Protein backbone atom coordinates (compact mmCIF):
# COMPACT_ATOMS: atom_id res chain seq x y z
CA MET A 1 9.95 23.15 20.76
CA LEU A 2 11.22 20.49 18.54
CA TRP A 3 12.14 18.45 21.41
CA ALA A 4 8.82 18.87 23.01
CA LYS A 5 6.98 17.61 19.82
CA VAL A 6 9.27 14.70 19.65
CA LYS A 7 8.44 13.73 23.24
CA LYS A 8 4.71 13.65 22.36
CA MET A 9 5.09 11.37 19.14
CA ASP A 10 3.69 7.73 19.57
CA PHE A 11 6.67 5.69 20.07
CA LEU A 12 4.73 2.41 20.14
CA LEU A 13 3.60 3.20 16.57
CA ILE A 14 7.20 4.09 15.76
CA GLY A 15 8.38 0.86 17.01
CA ALA A 16 5.99 -1.04 15.08
CA VAL A 17 7.04 0.54 11.71
CA GLY A 18 10.49 -0.06 12.69
CA ILE A 19 10.19 -3.61 13.42
CA LEU A 20 8.33 -4.22 10.06
CA SER A 21 11.01 -2.42 8.22
CA ILE A 22 13.94 -4.16 9.71
CA PHE A 23 12.11 -7.37 9.41
CA GLY A 24 11.28 -7.04 5.91
CA LEU A 25 14.83 -6.16 4.99
CA LEU A 26 15.96 -9.27 6.54
CA MET A 27 13.45 -11.26 4.47
CA VAL A 28 14.22 -9.40 1.39
CA TYR A 29 17.87 -10.61 1.97
CA SER A 30 16.74 -14.31 2.39
CA ALA A 31 14.10 -14.75 -0.35
CA SER A 32 16.10 -12.45 -2.89
CA PHE A 33 19.55 -14.17 -2.39
CA PRO A 34 18.74 -17.10 -4.78
CA ILE A 35 17.65 -14.80 -7.72
CA GLY A 36 20.26 -12.29 -6.93
CA GLN A 37 23.05 -14.62 -7.25
CA MET A 38 21.35 -16.08 -10.56
CA TYR A 39 21.01 -13.19 -12.58
CA TYR A 40 23.29 -10.49 -10.76
CA ASP A 41 26.23 -12.71 -9.50
CA SER A 42 25.48 -11.18 -6.12
CA GLY A 43 23.01 -12.70 -3.46
CA ASN A 44 23.12 -9.37 -1.79
CA TYR A 45 21.87 -7.23 -5.02
CA PHE A 46 18.34 -6.85 -3.84
CA PHE A 47 19.30 -6.66 -0.05
CA VAL A 48 21.58 -3.78 -0.85
CA LYS A 49 18.96 -1.78 -2.88
CA GLN A 50 16.34 -2.38 -0.35
CA LEU A 51 18.64 -1.19 2.24
CA GLN A 52 19.47 2.16 0.09
CA TRP A 53 15.64 2.68 -0.27
CA LEU A 54 14.81 2.27 3.33
CA LEU A 55 17.40 4.74 4.61
CA ILE A 56 16.10 7.12 1.82
CA GLY A 57 12.66 6.29 3.44
CA ILE A 58 13.87 6.94 6.90
CA ALA A 59 14.99 10.29 5.70
CA PHE A 60 11.40 11.19 4.35
CA PHE A 61 9.87 9.69 7.44
CA THR A 62 11.97 12.01 9.47
CA LEU A 63 10.99 15.13 7.23
CA ALA A 64 7.27 14.11 7.27
CA ALA A 65 7.13 13.53 11.00
CA LEU A 66 8.59 16.96 11.75
CA ILE A 67 7.17 19.61 9.50
CA ASN A 68 3.99 21.47 10.20
CA PRO A 69 1.14 19.12 9.35
CA ALA A 70 -0.90 21.94 8.22
CA LEU A 71 1.35 22.38 5.13
CA TYR A 72 -0.08 19.01 3.84
CA ALA A 73 -3.48 20.82 3.21
CA ARG A 74 -1.74 23.48 1.67
CA TRP A 75 -0.04 21.40 -0.67
CA SER A 76 -3.04 19.04 -1.54
CA PRO A 77 -4.03 20.80 -4.77
CA ALA A 78 -0.55 20.60 -6.19
CA LEU A 79 -0.08 16.90 -5.12
CA VAL A 80 -3.20 16.09 -7.16
CA MET A 81 -1.75 17.82 -10.21
CA LEU A 82 1.40 16.16 -9.90
CA SER A 83 -0.49 12.77 -9.46
CA LEU A 84 -2.71 13.59 -12.69
CA ILE A 85 0.63 14.48 -14.44
CA LEU A 86 2.44 11.05 -13.63
CA LEU A 87 -0.58 9.21 -14.43
CA ILE A 88 -0.47 10.67 -17.82
CA ALA A 89 3.27 10.54 -18.04
CA VAL A 90 3.47 6.53 -17.19
CA LEU A 91 1.15 6.05 -20.33
CA ILE A 92 3.47 7.73 -22.95
CA PRO A 93 5.50 5.61 -25.07
CA ASN A 94 9.40 5.85 -24.57
CA ILE A 95 8.33 7.39 -20.71
CA GLY A 96 6.41 4.49 -19.05
CA VAL A 97 8.11 1.31 -18.80
CA GLU A 98 6.13 -2.04 -19.72
CA ARG A 99 6.66 -4.86 -17.45
CA ASN A 100 4.44 -8.23 -17.14
CA PHE A 101 1.93 -6.65 -19.56
CA SER A 102 1.46 -3.57 -17.42
CA GLN A 103 2.98 -0.09 -17.95
CA ARG A 104 3.14 1.13 -14.35
CA TRP A 105 6.34 2.74 -14.16
CA ILE A 106 8.46 5.54 -15.03
CA ALA A 107 12.13 5.09 -15.66
CA ILE A 108 14.37 7.85 -13.96
CA GLY A 109 18.17 7.56 -13.96
CA GLY A 110 17.99 3.95 -13.92
CA PHE A 111 15.52 3.82 -10.95
CA LEU A 112 11.90 2.15 -11.85
CA PHE A 113 9.51 4.91 -10.03
CA GLN A 114 5.91 3.96 -9.61
CA PRO A 115 3.58 6.88 -9.93
CA SER A 116 0.46 5.30 -8.15
CA GLU A 117 2.37 5.07 -4.94
CA VAL A 118 2.50 8.72 -5.04
CA VAL A 119 -0.97 9.09 -5.94
CA LYS A 120 -1.88 7.00 -2.90
CA ILE A 121 -0.81 9.20 -0.52
CA SER A 122 -1.53 12.37 -2.59
CA MET A 123 -5.38 11.28 -2.67
CA VAL A 124 -5.81 10.53 0.82
CA ILE A 125 -4.41 13.94 1.79
CA TYR A 126 -6.38 15.72 -0.85
CA PHE A 127 -9.63 14.10 0.56
CA ALA A 128 -8.92 14.63 4.10
CA SER A 129 -8.29 18.26 3.39
CA ILE A 130 -11.26 18.85 0.92
CA TYR A 131 -13.84 16.95 3.33
CA ALA A 132 -12.69 18.93 6.34
CA LYS A 133 -13.31 22.11 4.50
CA LYS A 134 -16.95 21.20 3.45
CA GLN A 135 -17.86 20.26 6.95
CA SER A 136 -20.41 23.14 7.00
CA TYR A 137 -22.45 21.94 3.84
CA ILE A 138 -21.27 18.21 3.92
CA ASN A 139 -24.78 17.11 3.68
CA HIS A 140 -25.17 18.66 0.20
CA PHE A 141 -24.47 15.94 -2.43
CA VAL A 142 -23.72 18.26 -5.42
CA HIS A 143 -21.59 20.99 -3.65
CA GLY A 144 -20.35 19.17 -0.56
CA VAL A 145 -19.82 15.56 -1.86
CA LEU A 146 -19.63 15.25 -5.57
CA PRO A 147 -16.69 17.32 -6.91
CA PRO A 148 -13.84 15.50 -5.11
CA VAL A 149 -15.29 12.25 -6.12
CA ILE A 150 -14.86 13.40 -9.81
CA ILE A 151 -11.22 14.01 -9.22
CA LEU A 152 -11.19 10.31 -7.89
CA LEU A 153 -13.04 8.96 -10.65
CA LEU A 154 -10.18 10.47 -13.05
CA VAL A 155 -7.58 9.09 -11.07
CA PHE A 156 -8.96 5.63 -10.86
CA LEU A 157 -9.54 5.52 -14.65
CA PHE A 158 -6.01 6.43 -15.32
CA ILE A 159 -4.84 3.59 -13.03
CA LEU A 160 -7.15 1.10 -14.51
CA SER A 161 -5.70 1.86 -18.07
CA GLN A 162 -2.14 1.11 -16.69
CA PRO A 163 -3.91 -1.67 -15.68
CA ASP A 164 -3.52 -1.82 -11.93
CA LEU A 165 -6.84 -2.95 -10.30
CA GLY A 166 -5.13 -3.33 -6.84
CA ALA A 167 -3.71 0.09 -6.65
CA ALA A 168 -6.96 1.58 -7.94
CA GLY A 169 -9.05 -0.44 -5.48
CA ILE A 170 -6.89 0.75 -2.52
CA ILE A 171 -7.17 4.30 -3.38
CA LEU A 172 -10.85 3.89 -3.77
CA ALA A 173 -11.26 2.39 -0.52
CA ALA A 174 -9.00 4.56 1.48
CA CYS A 175 -10.81 7.81 -0.01
CA GLY A 176 -14.04 6.08 0.79
CA ILE A 177 -13.35 5.52 4.31
CA ILE A 178 -12.25 9.24 4.64
CA VAL A 179 -15.76 10.20 3.06
CA THR A 180 -17.60 7.94 5.50
CA CYS A 181 -15.81 9.36 8.38
CA SER A 182 -16.40 13.02 7.21
CA GLY A 183 -20.10 13.18 8.12
CA VAL A 184 -21.57 12.43 4.52
CA LYS A 185 -25.32 11.04 4.78
CA LYS A 186 -25.74 7.51 4.70
CA ARG A 187 -27.63 7.37 1.50
CA HIS A 188 -25.12 9.28 -0.18
CA ILE A 189 -22.50 6.82 1.01
CA PHE A 190 -24.65 4.14 -0.34
CA LEU A 191 -24.87 5.63 -3.59
CA LEU A 192 -21.29 6.36 -4.12
CA GLY A 193 -20.44 2.68 -2.91
CA SER A 194 -22.99 1.28 -5.67
CA VAL A 195 -21.49 3.12 -8.45
CA ALA A 196 -18.07 2.03 -7.42
CA ALA A 197 -19.06 -1.52 -7.10
CA VAL A 198 -20.71 -1.69 -10.18
CA GLY A 199 -17.86 -0.05 -12.21
CA THR A 200 -15.40 -2.31 -10.73
CA VAL A 201 -17.33 -5.21 -11.48
CA TYR A 202 -17.64 -4.20 -14.80
CA PHE A 203 -13.92 -3.40 -15.23
CA ALA A 204 -13.27 -6.84 -14.11
CA LEU A 205 -15.51 -8.72 -16.28
CA SER A 206 -14.68 -6.72 -19.47
CA SER A 207 -11.51 -8.66 -20.19
CA ALA A 208 -11.14 -12.37 -20.22
CA TYR A 209 -7.60 -11.86 -18.90
CA ARG A 210 -8.22 -9.81 -16.17
CA LEU A 211 -11.34 -12.19 -15.25
CA ASN A 212 -9.03 -15.14 -15.18
CA ARG A 213 -6.50 -13.58 -13.06
CA LEU A 214 -9.40 -12.51 -10.64
CA THR A 215 -11.02 -15.68 -10.46
CA SER A 216 -8.09 -18.34 -10.59
CA PHE A 217 -7.35 -17.76 -6.91
CA ARG A 218 -10.48 -20.15 -6.17
CA GLN A 219 -8.86 -23.25 -7.71
CA PRO A 220 -4.95 -22.59 -8.56
CA PHE A 221 -4.05 -26.06 -8.49
CA GLU A 222 -6.20 -26.96 -11.33
CA GLU A 223 -4.83 -24.00 -13.13
CA PHE A 224 -1.34 -24.76 -11.92
CA SER A 225 0.45 -24.38 -15.42
CA GLU A 226 -1.41 -20.89 -16.01
CA ASN A 227 -3.21 -18.45 -13.90
CA GLY A 228 -2.84 -20.70 -10.75
CA TYR A 229 0.92 -20.98 -10.80
CA GLN A 230 1.76 -18.21 -8.40
CA LEU A 231 -0.99 -18.92 -5.87
CA ALA A 232 -0.32 -22.67 -5.92
CA ASN A 233 3.41 -22.34 -4.98
CA SER A 234 2.51 -19.59 -2.41
CA LEU A 235 0.12 -22.14 -0.81
CA LEU A 236 2.87 -24.80 -1.00
CA ALA A 237 5.46 -22.65 0.88
CA ILE A 238 2.81 -21.67 3.43
CA ASN A 239 1.51 -25.29 4.30
CA SER A 240 5.22 -26.27 4.79
CA GLY A 241 6.23 -23.76 7.19
CA GLY A 242 4.07 -25.11 9.99
CA LEU A 243 4.36 -23.59 13.27
CA MET A 244 7.73 -22.55 13.60
CA GLY A 245 8.99 -22.82 9.78
CA ASN A 246 11.87 -24.62 8.34
CA GLY A 247 14.28 -21.98 9.26
CA ILE A 248 15.50 -19.00 8.05
CA GLY A 249 17.18 -19.33 4.46
CA ASN A 250 15.74 -22.86 4.15
CA SER A 251 12.80 -21.90 1.77
CA THR A 252 12.34 -24.32 -1.25
CA GLN A 253 9.83 -22.30 -3.27
CA LYS A 254 12.26 -19.04 -3.46
CA LEU A 255 14.62 -21.26 -5.40
CA GLY A 256 12.68 -20.36 -8.74
CA TYR A 257 9.51 -21.92 -8.18
CA LEU A 258 7.57 -18.84 -6.59
CA PRO A 259 7.81 -15.74 -8.83
CA GLU A 260 7.87 -12.40 -7.25
CA ALA A 261 8.94 -14.29 -4.04
CA HIS A 262 10.72 -11.06 -2.45
CA THR A 263 8.21 -8.51 -3.58
CA ASP A 264 4.28 -9.32 -3.68
CA PHE A 265 4.78 -12.94 -2.19
CA ILE A 266 7.32 -12.30 0.54
CA MET A 267 5.18 -13.29 3.26
CA ALA A 268 4.88 -16.86 1.78
CA ILE A 269 8.48 -17.13 1.99
CA THR A 270 8.47 -15.65 5.54
CA ILE A 271 5.88 -18.35 6.63
CA GLU A 272 7.87 -21.11 4.99
CA GLU A 273 10.79 -20.18 6.98
CA LEU A 274 9.65 -18.65 10.00
CA GLY A 275 6.21 -20.57 10.34
CA ALA A 276 3.02 -19.09 11.93
CA ALA A 277 5.34 -17.39 14.48
CA GLY A 278 6.83 -15.23 11.72
CA LEU A 279 3.30 -14.45 10.64
CA LEU A 280 2.13 -13.41 14.16
CA ILE A 281 4.99 -10.87 14.39
CA VAL A 282 3.97 -9.11 11.30
CA LEU A 283 0.11 -9.41 12.14
CA ALA A 284 0.96 -7.88 15.70
CA CYS A 285 2.74 -5.07 14.12
CA TYR A 286 -0.18 -4.34 11.46
CA MET A 287 -2.58 -4.34 14.70
CA ILE A 288 -0.64 -1.90 16.63
CA ILE A 289 -0.36 0.58 13.63
CA LEU A 290 -4.17 -0.01 13.28
CA PHE A 291 -5.09 0.66 16.84
CA ARG A 292 -2.50 3.33 17.55
CA GLY A 293 -3.85 5.20 13.95
CA ILE A 294 -7.43 5.17 15.21
CA PHE A 295 -6.70 5.96 18.77
CA ILE A 296 -4.49 9.20 17.45
CA ALA A 297 -7.58 10.34 15.36
CA LYS A 298 -9.76 10.25 18.34
CA GLN A 299 -7.78 12.30 20.08
CA LEU A 300 -7.24 15.09 17.42
CA SER A 301 -9.68 17.96 17.31
CA ASN A 302 -8.62 19.45 13.96
CA SER A 303 -11.04 17.76 11.20
CA PHE A 304 -8.06 17.58 8.49
CA TYR A 305 -5.95 15.77 11.01
CA GLN A 306 -8.47 13.48 12.13
CA LEU A 307 -9.53 12.29 8.44
CA LEU A 308 -5.81 12.23 7.56
CA ALA A 309 -4.98 9.94 10.21
CA ILE A 310 -7.86 7.74 9.48
CA GLY A 311 -7.14 7.63 5.77
CA ILE A 312 -3.51 7.15 6.27
CA THR A 313 -4.25 4.23 8.75
CA PHE A 314 -6.46 2.54 6.55
CA LEU A 315 -4.59 3.06 3.42
CA ILE A 316 -1.78 1.24 4.97
CA MET A 317 -3.99 -1.60 6.40
CA ILE A 318 -6.18 -2.19 3.19
CA GLN A 319 -2.87 -3.07 1.42
CA ALA A 320 -1.77 -5.27 4.03
CA VAL A 321 -5.23 -7.22 4.00
CA ILE A 322 -4.96 -7.29 0.12
CA ASN A 323 -1.42 -8.53 0.02
CA LEU A 324 -2.17 -11.15 2.79
CA GLY A 325 -5.40 -12.20 1.33
CA ALA A 326 -3.79 -12.76 -2.07
CA ILE A 327 -0.89 -14.84 -1.08
CA SER A 328 -3.24 -17.04 1.03
CA GLY A 329 -5.87 -17.42 -1.50
CA MET A 330 -8.59 -15.51 -0.04
CA LEU A 331 -8.39 -12.78 -2.34
CA PRO A 332 -7.42 -12.62 -6.14
CA ILE A 333 -3.77 -11.73 -6.84
CA THR A 334 -3.38 -8.07 -8.01
CA GLY A 335 0.27 -7.36 -7.48
CA VAL A 336 -0.09 -5.31 -4.27
CA THR A 337 3.05 -5.25 -1.98
CA LEU A 338 3.11 -5.90 1.67
CA PRO A 339 3.66 -2.29 3.49
CA PHE A 340 7.06 -1.95 4.88
CA VAL A 341 8.22 -5.71 4.21
CA SER A 342 8.08 -6.28 0.26
CA TYR A 343 11.16 -5.18 -1.77
CA GLY A 344 10.39 -2.03 -3.85
CA GLY A 345 11.64 1.63 -3.60
CA SER A 346 8.49 3.43 -4.27
CA SER A 347 6.50 1.28 -2.00
CA ILE A 348 8.83 1.51 0.96
CA ILE A 349 9.63 5.25 0.83
CA ILE A 350 5.99 6.09 0.22
CA MET A 351 4.80 3.75 3.17
CA MET A 352 7.49 5.63 5.32
CA VAL A 353 6.19 8.93 4.38
CA CYS A 354 2.58 7.82 5.58
CA ALA A 355 4.21 6.44 8.73
CA GLY A 356 5.96 9.77 9.13
CA ILE A 357 2.90 11.85 8.74
CA LEU A 358 0.68 9.65 11.36
CA VAL A 359 3.73 10.14 13.77
CA ASN A 360 3.45 13.76 13.30
CA LEU A 361 -0.24 13.71 13.96
CA SER A 362 0.37 11.77 17.18
CA ALA A 363 2.24 14.57 18.53
CA LYS A 364 -0.64 16.93 17.83
CA ARG A 365 -3.03 15.09 20.25
CA GLU A 366 -4.64 16.92 22.99
CA SER A 367 -4.55 14.49 25.68
């Protein structure tokens, strides 16, 4: 029976995730070599850690792909409770860890863990589960639509307090897509969308620091010594890459010029070294994930499975769009990593769980 399930899985989707993960591992090695050599006396330092996390991620991917997907709905209340506990814990002194003026991490045995990554998948599972159950009264705003939104608002405010506008926005957008696809009335969607937009704009404008971070992407070279520094160096890297790049390992910007070269801005280094060809490989893999995810959702008859497939697909894609938009100057920089590619244990493990769930659902297709 297990083999029958494996045979029905979407191997094109698995291939796209595998290519992105291996590609990311190689680019982490290239982008992090100088900083690893400088601070840890080993150019392999970040590569080895990313490899370890990827192997853990593969184990979680396998588990997520094989268990009964109905269990996700059963676990959703516990996942939400866990998410709230983690979000509270990260704000407690001596438990939460502050870096770059943000308190987004919890230290566990020398490993920095980012709770918002767990919250992303937990909220997608919860929203898919709860709106699937509410199908018989989905048109009733107070009873059918509003209760899960209150939980989302609480989670959103906790993440904003870290502050992490990028993660908060991704969760809000992914859950919003689930609500939209669940059959909620258009006027209810418009009402919720308007409130979310006003709240996000208010938060962005309520602090001069946040406003500067969100607007510096428009003219990064005029603010090169301050808020525009990262983006300006990212654009220099991208511009020098051309069609085929300068060759793997031959990035100049990773030599201390571009901060977070192996994390948020790994794609800028990729384009500098591999050019537009490297970008096209990554974009092709994301397009496969997008179209296969939508295709899988359409072939599922179970409401929960459909909404979960849509939610996970767009969770991955929204994060990819925000990251690529940020490194190219089309969107503000919010510290969002590139799924499956950027360095980071929490990110790669949770993204592999997302991919595993989507692959699991692909085996539930009726045709």
